[in-house]
Amino acid sequence: MEIAVFSTKKYDTLYLRPALEANGHHPHFLQTRLDNETVVLAEGYTAICIFVNDSLTAHGIEHLAKKGLKYVLLRCAGYNNVDLDAADKCGIKVARVPAYSPYSVAEFAVGLMLMLNRNLHKAYTRVRAGNFSLEGLTGFDMRNRRIGIVGTGKIGLLTGKICRGFDSDVVCYDPYPNIDRAKEYGMRYVSLDELLTTCDIISLHCPLLPSTHHMINSETLSKMKDGVMIINTSRGGLIDTVALIKALKSGKVGQVGMDVYEHESNMYFEDSSDSIMLDDVFSRLLTFHNVCITGHQAFLTREALENIAQETASNLEGFLKGIEPKGIVKI
């Protein structure tokens, strides 16, 4: 089968090519991001493989369905960038990779906590400039600090488990709790209000849904402890960035670690170092010394890339053999 793979980088090719070719398929790697303008590049393919910032709208699905598209393979966990209703109506099957490596993201989230807490990002640049002053680098012990995990899928639970290793008090919230596993990891569930009002660090691990869009907003921020640290390695749309900036300016929020941004689709995964930053909100975020932003790299480990490739190939084989694949997305 000929497969169009969008938004590809060298690391995608390195792992996806052997995984797909092992089953006799022929992947065609495109650096282009899929959207309504570039959808013509997918014409004639039975299957396409897309990533988090590709966009497959109803228009794109209806157009490609007429051109023979049958399968959409998401090489990521999220699927909010695909119009599932349109796919269902057109008979197009969609699959994702729900658990490529929860360890990679969980470890990265904790890494952001430690970097911000101990001001490692400041210390690194200071020493390289010959500045060995310790002023402004004071952090706090993670021990006995209360850390809140919002969303207890595999990544959220593992993040909490790692934090328990610091002897931190870890509480969590999820409308669909995994009580047994949380108890096993030394965590307990509380109401969202209690988590917001009592935690020193809040780490987000939720899917982006209508119910979670801008869940961190002016109202929820006002409930938090003064100086709270917020970590987001999940989806940028969980945070109202304008409200977050106001909270940073007032001192309500003390530190922010973000691997995602709500308007990242036109920026992330590309080298724009020679271009002027046109996003004024993002530019304002970059001016805060207590904000650490990375470019959606939390997933990027060798183990995760290998798992993504293998699961993507497995999802396609399941569809072709008439066996419901593990990663199938249903409405």
C-alpha atoms as a PDB file:
ATOM      1  CA  MET A   1       0.000   0.000   0.000  1.00  0.00           C
ATOM      2  CA  GLU A   2       1.160   3.549  -0.788  1.00  0.00           C
ATOM      3  CA  ILE A   3       1.002   5.689   2.359  1.00  0.00           C
ATOM      4  CA  ALA A   4       1.391   9.480   2.556  1.00  0.00           C
ATOM      5  CA  VAL A   5       3.154  10.469   5.781  1.00  0.00           C
ATOM      6  CA  PHE A   6       2.748  14.166   6.615  1.00  0.00           C
ATOM      7  CA  SER A   7       4.779  16.510   8.852  1.00  0.00           C
ATOM      8  CA  THR A   8       7.782  14.215   8.816  1.00  0.00           C
ATOM      9  CA  LYS A   9      11.208  14.881  10.267  1.00  0.00           C
ATOM     10  CA  LYS A  10      14.369  12.803  10.073  1.00  0.00           C
ATOM     11  CA  TYR A  11      13.507  10.956  13.272  1.00  0.00           C
ATOM     12  CA  ASP A  12      10.100   9.974  11.837  1.00  0.00           C
ATOM     13  CA  THR A  13      11.671   8.527   8.708  1.00  0.00           C
ATOM     14  CA  LEU A  14      14.280   6.650  10.702  1.00  0.00           C
ATOM     15  CA  TYR A  15      11.687   4.671  12.651  1.00  0.00           C
ATOM     16  CA  LEU A  16       8.563   4.657  10.464  1.00  0.00           C
ATOM     17  CA  ARG A  17      10.164   3.521   7.222  1.00  0.00           C
ATOM     18  CA  PRO A  18      11.364   0.096   8.457  1.00  0.00           C
ATOM     19  CA  ALA A  19       8.163  -0.500  10.444  1.00  0.00           C
ATOM     20  CA  LEU A  20       5.917   0.081   7.415  1.00  0.00           C
ATOM     21  CA  GLU A  21       8.188  -1.498   4.818  1.00  0.00           C
ATOM     22  CA  ALA A  22       8.441  -4.663   6.919  1.00  0.00           C
ATOM     23  CA  ASN A  23       4.797  -5.304   5.999  1.00  0.00           C
ATOM     24  CA  GLY A  24       5.355  -4.544   2.323  1.00  0.00           C
ATOM     25  CA  HIS A  25       4.037  -0.974   2.342  1.00  0.00           C
ATOM     26  CA  HIS A  26       5.552   2.034   0.592  1.00  0.00           C
ATOM     27  CA  PRO A  27       5.566   5.174   2.749  1.00  0.00           C
ATOM     28  CA  HIS A  28       5.998   8.541   1.024  1.00  0.00           C
ATOM     29  CA  PHE A  29       7.408  11.048   3.495  1.00  0.00           C
ATOM     30  CA  LEU A  30       6.258  14.657   3.168  1.00  0.00           C
ATOM     31  CA  GLN A  31       7.572  17.505   5.303  1.00  0.00           C
ATOM     32  CA  THR A  32       4.376  19.424   4.559  1.00  0.00           C
ATOM     33  CA  ARG A  33       1.786  19.862   7.285  1.00  0.00           C
ATOM     34  CA  LEU A  34      -1.658  18.585   6.302  1.00  0.00           C
ATOM     35  CA  ASP A  35      -4.443  21.156   6.182  1.00  0.00           C
ATOM     36  CA  ASN A  36      -7.200  22.239   3.826  1.00  0.00           C
ATOM     37  CA  GLU A  37      -4.698  23.795   1.438  1.00  0.00           C
ATOM     38  CA  THR A  38      -2.301  20.845   1.275  1.00  0.00           C
ATOM     39  CA  VAL A  39      -4.932  18.098   1.294  1.00  0.00           C
ATOM     40  CA  VAL A  40      -4.472  17.699  -2.476  1.00  0.00           C
ATOM     41  CA  LEU A  41      -1.101  16.074  -1.729  1.00  0.00           C
ATOM     42  CA  ALA A  42      -2.978  13.130  -0.178  1.00  0.00           C
ATOM     43  CA  GLU A  43      -5.104  12.449  -3.239  1.00  0.00           C
ATOM     44  CA  GLY A  44      -4.933   8.868  -4.455  1.00  0.00           C
ATOM     45  CA  TYR A  45      -3.567   7.394  -1.222  1.00  0.00           C
ATOM     46  CA  THR A  46      -5.545   4.683   0.550  1.00  0.00           C
ATOM     47  CA  ALA A  47      -3.898   5.551   3.869  1.00  0.00           C
ATOM     48  CA  ILE A  48      -2.340   8.681   5.318  1.00  0.00           C
ATOM     49  CA  CYS A  49      -0.292   9.093   8.479  1.00  0.00           C
ATOM     50  CA  ILE A  50      -0.504  12.412  10.359  1.00  0.00           C
ATOM     51  CA  PHE A  51       0.835  14.058  13.517  1.00  0.00           C
ATOM     52  CA  VAL A  52      -0.468  16.386  16.237  1.00  0.00           C
ATOM     53  CA  ASN A  53      -0.433  19.659  14.303  1.00  0.00           C
ATOM     54  CA  ASP A  54      -1.837  18.273  11.072  1.00  0.00           C
ATOM     55  CA  SER A  55      -5.488  19.170  10.530  1.00  0.00           C
ATOM     56  CA  LEU A  56      -7.990  16.875   8.851  1.00  0.00           C
ATOM     57  CA  THR A  57     -11.283  18.750   8.683  1.00  0.00           C
ATOM     58  CA  ALA A  58     -14.632  17.632   7.321  1.00  0.00           C
ATOM     59  CA  HIS A  59     -13.725  19.338   4.053  1.00  0.00           C
ATOM     60  CA  GLY A  60     -10.465  17.408   3.820  1.00  0.00           C
ATOM     61  CA  ILE A  61     -12.074  14.095   4.716  1.00  0.00           C
ATOM     62  CA  GLU A  62     -14.925  14.472   2.234  1.00  0.00           C
ATOM     63  CA  HIS A  63     -12.467  15.454  -0.490  1.00  0.00           C
ATOM     64  CA  LEU A  64     -10.103  12.545   0.165  1.00  0.00           C
ATOM     65  CA  ALA A  65     -12.916  10.018   0.560  1.00  0.00           C
ATOM     66  CA  LYS A  66     -13.800  10.690  -3.074  1.00  0.00           C
ATOM     67  CA  LYS A  67     -10.159  10.068  -3.972  1.00  0.00           C
ATOM     68  CA  GLY A  68      -9.999   6.656  -2.305  1.00  0.00           C
ATOM     69  CA  LEU A  69      -8.867   7.365   1.262  1.00  0.00           C
ATOM     70  CA  LYS A  70      -9.826   4.585   3.688  1.00  0.00           C
ATOM     71  CA  TYR A  71      -7.474   4.859   6.663  1.00  0.00           C
ATOM     72  CA  VAL A  72      -6.106   7.683   8.818  1.00  0.00           C
ATOM     73  CA  LEU A  73      -3.166   6.705  11.017  1.00  0.00           C
ATOM     74  CA  LEU A  74      -2.383   9.128  13.830  1.00  0.00           C
ATOM     75  CA  ARG A  75       1.135   8.710  15.158  1.00  0.00           C
ATOM     76  CA  CYS A  76       0.172  10.416  18.402  1.00  0.00           C
ATOM     77  CA  ALA A  77      -2.279   9.963  21.258  1.00  0.00           C
ATOM     78  CA  GLY A  78      -4.541  12.948  20.626  1.00  0.00           C
ATOM     79  CA  TYR A  79      -7.181  12.968  17.902  1.00  0.00           C
ATOM     80  CA  ASN A  80      -8.848  16.369  18.299  1.00  0.00           C
ATOM     81  CA  ASN A  81      -7.318  17.414  14.951  1.00  0.00           C
ATOM     82  CA  VAL A  82      -9.498  14.964  12.999  1.00  0.00           C
ATOM     83  CA  ASP A  83     -13.214  15.460  12.338  1.00  0.00           C
ATOM     84  CA  LEU A  84     -14.378  12.042  13.517  1.00  0.00           C
ATOM     85  CA  ASP A  85     -18.020  12.607  12.578  1.00  0.00           C
ATOM     86  CA  ALA A  86     -17.043  13.299   8.976  1.00  0.00           C
ATOM     87  CA  ALA A  87     -14.708  10.285   8.946  1.00  0.00           C
ATOM     88  CA  ASP A  88     -17.493   8.032  10.208  1.00  0.00           C
ATOM     89  CA  LYS A  89     -19.951   9.312   7.607  1.00  0.00           C
ATOM     90  CA  CYS A  90     -17.398   8.727   4.844  1.00  0.00           C
ATOM     91  CA  GLY A  91     -16.490   5.246   6.072  1.00  0.00           C
ATOM     92  CA  ILE A  92     -12.902   6.236   6.864  1.00  0.00           C
ATOM     93  CA  LYS A  93     -11.329   4.423   9.778  1.00  0.00           C
ATOM     94  CA  VAL A  94      -9.093   6.267  12.242  1.00  0.00           C
ATOM     95  CA  ALA A  95      -6.488   4.881  14.628  1.00  0.00           C
ATOM     96  CA  ARG A  96      -4.055   6.487  17.055  1.00  0.00           C
ATOM     97  CA  VAL A  97      -1.152   5.501  19.300  1.00  0.00           C
ATOM     98  CA  PRO A  98      -2.584   5.948  22.798  1.00  0.00           C
ATOM     99  CA  ALA A  99       0.438   4.836  24.842  1.00  0.00           C
ATOM    100  CA  TYR A 100       3.676   5.107  22.886  1.00  0.00           C
ATOM    101  CA  SER A 101       5.773   5.784  25.998  1.00  0.00           C
ATOM    102  CA  PRO A 102       4.048   7.355  28.976  1.00  0.00           C
ATOM    103  CA  TYR A 103       7.418   7.283  30.740  1.00  0.00           C
ATOM    104  CA  SER A 104       8.924   9.755  28.267  1.00  0.00           C
ATOM    105  CA  VAL A 105       6.292  12.424  28.914  1.00  0.00           C
ATOM    106  CA  ALA A 106       6.062  11.791  32.654  1.00  0.00           C
ATOM    107  CA  GLU A 107       9.830  12.063  33.077  1.00  0.00           C
ATOM    108  CA  PHE A 108       9.882  15.250  31.020  1.00  0.00           C
ATOM    109  CA  ALA A 109       7.107  16.804  33.119  1.00  0.00           C
ATOM    110  CA  VAL A 110       9.065  16.141  36.308  1.00  0.00           C
ATOM    111  CA  GLY A 111      12.184  17.480  34.590  1.00  0.00           C
ATOM    112  CA  LEU A 112      10.381  20.776  34.005  1.00  0.00           C
ATOM    113  CA  MET A 113       9.386  20.878  37.674  1.00  0.00           C
ATOM    114  CA  LEU A 114      12.995  20.437  38.782  1.00  0.00           C
ATOM    115  CA  MET A 115      14.351  22.919  36.248  1.00  0.00           C
ATOM    116  CA  LEU A 116      11.974  25.654  37.343  1.00  0.00           C
ATOM    117  CA  ASN A 117      12.229  24.896  41.047  1.00  0.00           C
ATOM    118  CA  ARG A 118      16.037  24.929  41.131  1.00  0.00           C
ATOM    119  CA  ASN A 119      16.376  27.583  38.410  1.00  0.00           C
ATOM    120  CA  LEU A 120      18.574  25.369  36.269  1.00  0.00           C
ATOM    121  CA  HIS A 121      17.680  27.303  33.110  1.00  0.00           C
ATOM    122  CA  LYS A 122      18.995  30.508  34.708  1.00  0.00           C
ATOM    123  CA  ALA A 123      22.088  28.872  36.183  1.00  0.00           C
ATOM    124  CA  TYR A 124      23.065  27.355  32.828  1.00  0.00           C
ATOM    125  CA  THR A 125      23.096  30.677  30.995  1.00  0.00           C
ATOM    126  CA  ARG A 126      24.747  32.511  33.900  1.00  0.00           C
ATOM    127  CA  VAL A 127      27.721  30.171  34.170  1.00  0.00           C
ATOM    128  CA  ARG A 128      28.292  30.232  30.409  1.00  0.00           C
ATOM    129  CA  ALA A 129      28.536  34.027  30.717  1.00  0.00           C
ATOM    130  CA  GLY A 130      30.975  33.757  33.625  1.00  0.00           C
ATOM    131  CA  ASN A 131      28.402  34.712  36.258  1.00  0.00           C
ATOM    132  CA  PHE A 132      28.635  32.442  39.305  1.00  0.00           C
ATOM    133  CA  SER A 133      26.333  34.441  41.560  1.00  0.00           C
ATOM    134  CA  LEU A 134      23.690  32.403  43.394  1.00  0.00           C
ATOM    135  CA  GLU A 135      21.338  35.335  43.905  1.00  0.00           C
ATOM    136  CA  GLY A 136      17.842  34.560  42.635  1.00  0.00           C
ATOM    137  CA  LEU A 137      18.462  30.812  42.299  1.00  0.00           C
ATOM    138  CA  THR A 138      16.897  29.661  45.574  1.00  0.00           C
ATOM    139  CA  GLY A 139      14.465  26.769  45.186  1.00  0.00           C
ATOM    140  CA  PHE A 140      12.584  24.525  47.583  1.00  0.00           C
ATOM    141  CA  ASP A 141      12.676  20.894  48.665  1.00  0.00           C
ATOM    142  CA  MET A 142      10.232  18.742  46.743  1.00  0.00           C
ATOM    143  CA  ARG A 143       9.757  16.685  49.902  1.00  0.00           C
ATOM    144  CA  ASN A 144       6.394  17.310  51.571  1.00  0.00           C
ATOM    145  CA  ARG A 145       5.267  19.681  48.830  1.00  0.00           C
ATOM    146  CA  ARG A 146       1.771  18.992  47.538  1.00  0.00           C
ATOM    147  CA  ILE A 147       1.687  18.196  43.834  1.00  0.00           C
ATOM    148  CA  GLY A 148      -1.591  17.972  41.939  1.00  0.00           C
ATOM    149  CA  ILE A 149      -2.040  15.714  38.928  1.00  0.00           C
ATOM    150  CA  VAL A 150      -4.991  16.690  36.716  1.00  0.00           C
ATOM    151  CA  GLY A 151      -5.816  13.717  34.515  1.00  0.00           C
ATOM    152  CA  THR A 152      -4.830  10.222  35.579  1.00  0.00           C
ATOM    153  CA  GLY A 153      -4.247   8.300  32.414  1.00  0.00           C
ATOM    154  CA  LYS A 154      -0.970   6.425  32.180  1.00  0.00           C
ATOM    155  CA  ILE A 155       1.124   9.594  31.861  1.00  0.00           C
ATOM    156  CA  GLY A 156      -0.528  11.389  34.754  1.00  0.00           C
ATOM    157  CA  LEU A 157      -0.272   8.390  37.057  1.00  0.00           C
ATOM    158  CA  LEU A 158       3.400   7.848  36.213  1.00  0.00           C
ATOM    159  CA  THR A 159       4.139  11.541  36.792  1.00  0.00           C
ATOM    160  CA  GLY A 160       2.594  11.221  40.234  1.00  0.00           C
ATOM    161  CA  LYS A 161       4.511   8.028  40.896  1.00  0.00           C
ATOM    162  CA  ILE A 162       7.822   9.730  40.121  1.00  0.00           C
ATOM    163  CA  CYS A 163       6.892  12.667  42.358  1.00  0.00           C
ATOM    164  CA  ARG A 164       6.151  10.270  45.198  1.00  0.00           C
ATOM    165  CA  GLY A 165       9.818   9.291  44.929  1.00  0.00           C
ATOM    166  CA  PHE A 166      10.679  12.747  46.243  1.00  0.00           C
ATOM    167  CA  ASP A 167       8.407  12.025  49.231  1.00  0.00           C
ATOM    168  CA  SER A 168       5.981  14.615  47.895  1.00  0.00           C
ATOM    169  CA  ASP A 169       2.302  14.611  48.818  1.00  0.00           C
ATOM    170  CA  VAL A 170       0.583  13.778  45.526  1.00  0.00           C
ATOM    171  CA  VAL A 171      -3.140  14.295  44.994  1.00  0.00           C
ATOM    172  CA  CYS A 172      -5.029  13.887  41.756  1.00  0.00           C
ATOM    173  CA  TYR A 173      -8.263  14.640  39.981  1.00  0.00           C
ATOM    174  CA  ASP A 174     -10.006  12.872  37.126  1.00  0.00           C
ATOM    175  CA  PRO A 175     -13.728  12.510  36.358  1.00  0.00           C
ATOM    176  CA  TYR A 176     -12.939   8.852  35.601  1.00  0.00           C
ATOM    177  CA  PRO A 177     -10.632   7.857  38.472  1.00  0.00           C
ATOM    178  CA  ASN A 178      -8.315   4.873  38.516  1.00  0.00           C
ATOM    179  CA  ILE A 179      -8.532   4.439  42.259  1.00  0.00           C
ATOM    180  CA  ASP A 180      -6.643   1.147  42.588  1.00  0.00           C
ATOM    181  CA  ARG A 181      -3.617   2.242  40.550  1.00  0.00           C
ATOM    182  CA  ALA A 182      -3.507   5.653  42.237  1.00  0.00           C
ATOM    183  CA  LYS A 183      -3.527   3.957  45.644  1.00  0.00           C
ATOM    184  CA  GLU A 184      -0.769   1.593  44.513  1.00  0.00           C
ATOM    185  CA  TYR A 185       1.360   4.626  43.574  1.00  0.00           C
ATOM    186  CA  GLY A 186       0.687   6.373  46.878  1.00  0.00           C
ATOM    187  CA  MET A 187      -1.703   8.962  45.459  1.00  0.00           C
ATOM    188  CA  ARG A 188      -5.260   9.872  46.388  1.00  0.00           C
ATOM    189  CA  TYR A 189      -8.129  11.569  44.594  1.00  0.00           C
ATOM    190  CA  VAL A 190      -9.554  14.903  45.703  1.00  0.00           C
ATOM    191  CA  SER A 191     -12.027  17.337  44.176  1.00  0.00           C
ATOM    192  CA  LEU A 192     -10.744  19.683  41.503  1.00  0.00           C
ATOM    193  CA  ASP A 193     -11.382  22.640  43.799  1.00  0.00           C
ATOM    194  CA  GLU A 194      -9.276  21.116  46.583  1.00  0.00           C
ATOM    195  CA  LEU A 195      -6.469  20.353  44.147  1.00  0.00           C
ATOM    196  CA  LEU A 196      -6.476  23.884  42.737  1.00  0.00           C
ATOM    197  CA  THR A 197      -6.546  25.591  46.134  1.00  0.00           C
ATOM    198  CA  THR A 198      -3.993  23.468  48.007  1.00  0.00           C
ATOM    199  CA  CYS A 199      -1.260  22.395  45.579  1.00  0.00           C
ATOM    200  CA  ASP A 200       2.181  23.953  45.231  1.00  0.00           C
ATOM    201  CA  ILE A 201       2.643  22.389  41.781  1.00  0.00           C
ATOM    202  CA  ILE A 202      -0.131  21.514  39.321  1.00  0.00           C
ATOM    203  CA  SER A 203       0.667  19.247  36.368  1.00  0.00           C
ATOM    204  CA  LEU A 204      -1.828  18.850  33.508  1.00  0.00           C
ATOM    205  CA  HIS A 205      -2.303  15.493  31.758  1.00  0.00           C
ATOM    206  CA  CYS A 206      -5.704  15.794  30.057  1.00  0.00           C
ATOM    207  CA  PRO A 207      -6.942  15.320  26.509  1.00  0.00           C
ATOM    208  CA  LEU A 208      -8.187  18.429  24.744  1.00  0.00           C
ATOM    209  CA  LEU A 209     -11.982  18.217  24.727  1.00  0.00           C
ATOM    210  CA  PRO A 210     -14.720  20.870  24.788  1.00  0.00           C
ATOM    211  CA  SER A 211     -14.960  20.220  28.529  1.00  0.00           C
ATOM    212  CA  THR A 212     -11.224  20.737  29.117  1.00  0.00           C
ATOM    213  CA  HIS A 213     -10.586  23.641  26.727  1.00  0.00           C
ATOM    214  CA  HIS A 214      -9.217  26.548  28.795  1.00  0.00           C
ATOM    215  CA  MET A 215      -9.761  24.657  32.036  1.00  0.00           C
ATOM    216  CA  ILE A 216      -6.959  26.839  33.370  1.00  0.00           C
ATOM    217  CA  ASN A 217      -8.544  30.263  33.106  1.00  0.00           C
ATOM    218  CA  SER A 218      -8.936  33.438  35.148  1.00  0.00           C
ATOM    219  CA  GLU A 219     -11.430  31.771  37.500  1.00  0.00           C
ATOM    220  CA  THR A 220      -9.425  28.612  38.180  1.00  0.00           C
ATOM    221  CA  LEU A 221      -6.177  30.580  38.417  1.00  0.00           C
ATOM    222  CA  SER A 222      -7.703  32.819  41.094  1.00  0.00           C
ATOM    223  CA  LYS A 223      -8.322  29.746  43.268  1.00  0.00           C
ATOM    224  CA  MET A 224      -4.687  28.628  43.243  1.00  0.00           C
ATOM    225  CA  LYS A 225      -2.074  29.280  45.908  1.00  0.00           C
ATOM    226  CA  ASP A 226       0.051  32.364  45.412  1.00  0.00           C
ATOM    227  CA  GLY A 227       3.266  31.391  43.643  1.00  0.00           C
ATOM    228  CA  VAL A 228       1.908  28.106  42.256  1.00  0.00           C
ATOM    229  CA  MET A 229       3.907  26.259  39.604  1.00  0.00           C
ATOM    230  CA  ILE A 230       1.956  25.058  36.555  1.00  0.00           C
ATOM    231  CA  ILE A 231       3.256  22.336  34.238  1.00  0.00           C
ATOM    232  CA  ASN A 232       1.631  21.447  30.910  1.00  0.00           C
ATOM    233  CA  THR A 233       2.981  18.613  28.777  1.00  0.00           C
ATOM    234  CA  SER A 234      -0.431  17.632  27.458  1.00  0.00           C
ATOM    235  CA  ARG A 235      -2.334  20.003  25.152  1.00  0.00           C
ATOM    236  CA  GLY A 236      -1.841  23.739  24.785  1.00  0.00           C
ATOM    237  CA  GLY A 237      -5.563  24.475  24.634  1.00  0.00           C
ATOM    238  CA  LEU A 238      -5.985  23.453  28.261  1.00  0.00           C
ATOM    239  CA  ILE A 239      -4.633  26.868  29.263  1.00  0.00           C
ATOM    240  CA  ASP A 240      -6.052  30.306  28.479  1.00  0.00           C
ATOM    241  CA  THR A 241      -2.695  31.911  27.745  1.00  0.00           C
ATOM    242  CA  VAL A 242      -3.894  35.508  28.103  1.00  0.00           C
ATOM    243  CA  ALA A 243      -5.270  34.733  31.573  1.00  0.00           C
ATOM    244  CA  LEU A 244      -2.019  32.951  32.433  1.00  0.00           C
ATOM    245  CA  ILE A 245       0.033  36.008  31.491  1.00  0.00           C
ATOM    246  CA  LYS A 246      -2.098  38.198  33.749  1.00  0.00           C
ATOM    247  CA  ALA A 247      -1.556  35.723  36.603  1.00  0.00           C
ATOM    248  CA  LEU A 248       2.209  35.748  35.978  1.00  0.00           C
ATOM    249  CA  LYS A 249       2.288  39.541  35.998  1.00  0.00           C
ATOM    250  CA  SER A 250       0.396  39.696  39.303  1.00  0.00           C
ATOM    251  CA  GLY A 251       2.578  37.042  40.934  1.00  0.00           C
ATOM    252  CA  LYS A 252      -0.341  34.649  41.449  1.00  0.00           C
ATOM    253  CA  VAL A 253       1.530  32.130  39.301  1.00  0.00           C
ATOM    254  CA  GLY A 254       5.156  31.750  40.319  1.00  0.00           C
ATOM    255  CA  GLN A 255       6.510  29.454  37.613  1.00  0.00           C
ATOM    256  CA  VAL A 256       5.293  27.855  34.395  1.00  0.00           C
ATOM    257  CA  GLY A 257       6.683  24.944  32.404  1.00  0.00           C
ATOM    258  CA  MET A 258       5.040  24.397  29.001  1.00  0.00           C
ATOM    259  CA  ASP A 259       5.896  21.870  26.322  1.00  0.00           C
ATOM    260  CA  VAL A 260       2.741  22.819  24.421  1.00  0.00           C
ATOM    261  CA  TYR A 261       1.011  26.049  23.438  1.00  0.00           C
ATOM    262  CA  GLU A 262      -2.557  26.617  22.325  1.00  0.00           C
ATOM    263  CA  HIS A 263      -1.532  28.259  19.032  1.00  0.00           C
ATOM    264  CA  GLU A 264       1.521  26.119  18.355  1.00  0.00           C
ATOM    265  CA  SER A 265       0.425  24.578  15.066  1.00  0.00           C
ATOM    266  CA  ASN A 266       2.023  27.249  12.883  1.00  0.00           C
ATOM    267  CA  MET A 267       5.266  27.373  14.872  1.00  0.00           C
ATOM    268  CA  TYR A 268       6.268  24.100  16.462  1.00  0.00           C
ATOM    269  CA  PHE A 269       8.470  21.463  14.811  1.00  0.00           C
ATOM    270  CA  GLU A 270       9.966  24.070  12.461  1.00  0.00           C
ATOM    271  CA  ASP A 271      13.113  26.215  12.568  1.00  0.00           C
ATOM    272  CA  SER A 272      11.900  29.815  12.454  1.00  0.00           C
ATOM    273  CA  SER A 273      14.995  31.351  14.047  1.00  0.00           C
ATOM    274  CA  ASP A 274      15.481  33.657  11.038  1.00  0.00           C
ATOM    275  CA  SER A 275      11.889  34.893  11.144  1.00  0.00           C
ATOM    276  CA  ILE A 276      10.145  37.529  13.235  1.00  0.00           C
ATOM    277  CA  MET A 277       7.845  36.146  15.913  1.00  0.00           C
ATOM    278  CA  LEU A 278       4.349  37.209  14.854  1.00  0.00           C
ATOM    279  CA  ASP A 279       2.469  35.739  17.811  1.00  0.00           C
ATOM    280  CA  ASP A 280       2.396  38.591  20.353  1.00  0.00           C
ATOM    281  CA  VAL A 281       0.978  36.407  23.132  1.00  0.00           C
ATOM    282  CA  PHE A 282       3.736  33.821  22.766  1.00  0.00           C
ATOM    283  CA  SER A 283       6.340  36.589  22.567  1.00  0.00           C
ATOM    284  CA  ARG A 284       5.060  37.983  25.866  1.00  0.00           C
ATOM    285  CA  LEU A 285       5.381  34.578  27.496  1.00  0.00           C
ATOM    286  CA  LEU A 286       9.032  34.413  26.458  1.00  0.00           C
ATOM    287  CA  THR A 287       9.808  37.606  28.398  1.00  0.00           C
ATOM    288  CA  PHE A 288       9.170  35.994  31.803  1.00  0.00           C
ATOM    289  CA  HIS A 289      12.281  34.648  33.534  1.00  0.00           C
ATOM    290  CA  ASN A 290      10.110  32.178  35.461  1.00  0.00           C
ATOM    291  CA  VAL A 291       8.603  30.568  32.363  1.00  0.00           C
ATOM    292  CA  CYS A 292      10.260  27.640  30.601  1.00  0.00           C
ATOM    293  CA  ILE A 293       8.857  26.734  27.181  1.00  0.00           C
ATOM    294  CA  THR A 294       9.924  23.769  25.073  1.00  0.00           C
ATOM    295  CA  GLY A 295       8.755  22.824  21.593  1.00  0.00           C
ATOM    296  CA  HIS A 296       6.528  19.773  22.120  1.00  0.00           C
ATOM    297  CA  GLN A 297       9.472  17.454  22.738  1.00  0.00           C
ATOM    298  CA  ALA A 298       8.269  15.559  25.808  1.00  0.00           C
ATOM    299  CA  PHE A 299       7.527  12.471  23.714  1.00  0.00           C
ATOM    300  CA  LEU A 300      10.911  12.475  21.982  1.00  0.00           C
ATOM    301  CA  THR A 301      12.817   9.408  23.165  1.00  0.00           C
ATOM    302  CA  ARG A 302      14.141   6.518  21.131  1.00  0.00           C
ATOM    303  CA  GLU A 303      11.765   4.155  22.894  1.00  0.00           C
ATOM    304  CA  ALA A 304       8.751   6.350  22.153  1.00  0.00           C
ATOM    305  CA  LEU A 305       9.626   6.773  18.477  1.00  0.00           C
ATOM    306  CA  GLU A 306      10.076   3.034  18.059  1.00  0.00           C
ATOM    307  CA  ASN A 307       6.773   2.312  19.789  1.00  0.00           C
ATOM    308  CA  ILE A 308       4.962   4.932  17.705  1.00  0.00           C
ATOM    309  CA  ALA A 309       6.262   3.362  14.496  1.00  0.00           C
ATOM    310  CA  GLN A 310       5.400  -0.176  15.533  1.00  0.00           C
ATOM    311  CA  GLU A 311       1.920   0.709  16.789  1.00  0.00           C
ATOM    312  CA  THR A 312       1.169   2.745  13.669  1.00  0.00           C
ATOM    313  CA  ALA A 313       2.140  -0.214  11.487  1.00  0.00           C
ATOM    314  CA  SER A 314       0.136  -2.563  13.716  1.00  0.00           C
ATOM    315  CA  ASN A 315      -2.964  -0.368  13.468  1.00  0.00           C
ATOM    316  CA  LEU A 316      -2.804  -0.468   9.687  1.00  0.00           C
ATOM    317  CA  GLU A 317      -2.349  -4.253   9.622  1.00  0.00           C
ATOM    318  CA  GLY A 318      -5.360  -4.641  11.889  1.00  0.00           C
ATOM    319  CA  PHE A 319      -7.531  -2.614   9.528  1.00  0.00           C
ATOM    320  CA  LEU A 320      -6.328  -4.569   6.488  1.00  0.00           C
ATOM    321  CA  LYS A 321      -6.953  -7.934   8.162  1.00  0.00           C
ATOM    322  CA  GLY A 322     -10.397  -6.965   9.418  1.00  0.00           C
ATOM    323  CA  ILE A 323      -9.251  -7.067  13.035  1.00  0.00           C
ATOM    324  CA  GLU A 324     -10.089  -4.047  15.203  1.00  0.00           C
ATOM    325  CA  PRO A 325      -6.688  -2.526  16.066  1.00  0.00           C
ATOM    326  CA  LYS A 326      -5.790  -1.525  19.587  1.00  0.00           C
ATOM    327  CA  GLY A 327      -5.595   2.130  18.632  1.00  0.00           C
ATOM    328  CA  ILE A 328      -8.916   2.469  16.837  1.00  0.00           C
ATOM    329  CA  VAL A 329     -10.733   5.754  17.498  1.00  0.00           C
ATOM    330  CA  LYS A 330     -14.503   5.489  17.822  1.00  0.00           C
ATOM    331  CA  ILE A 331     -17.077   8.245  18.033  1.00  0.00           C
END
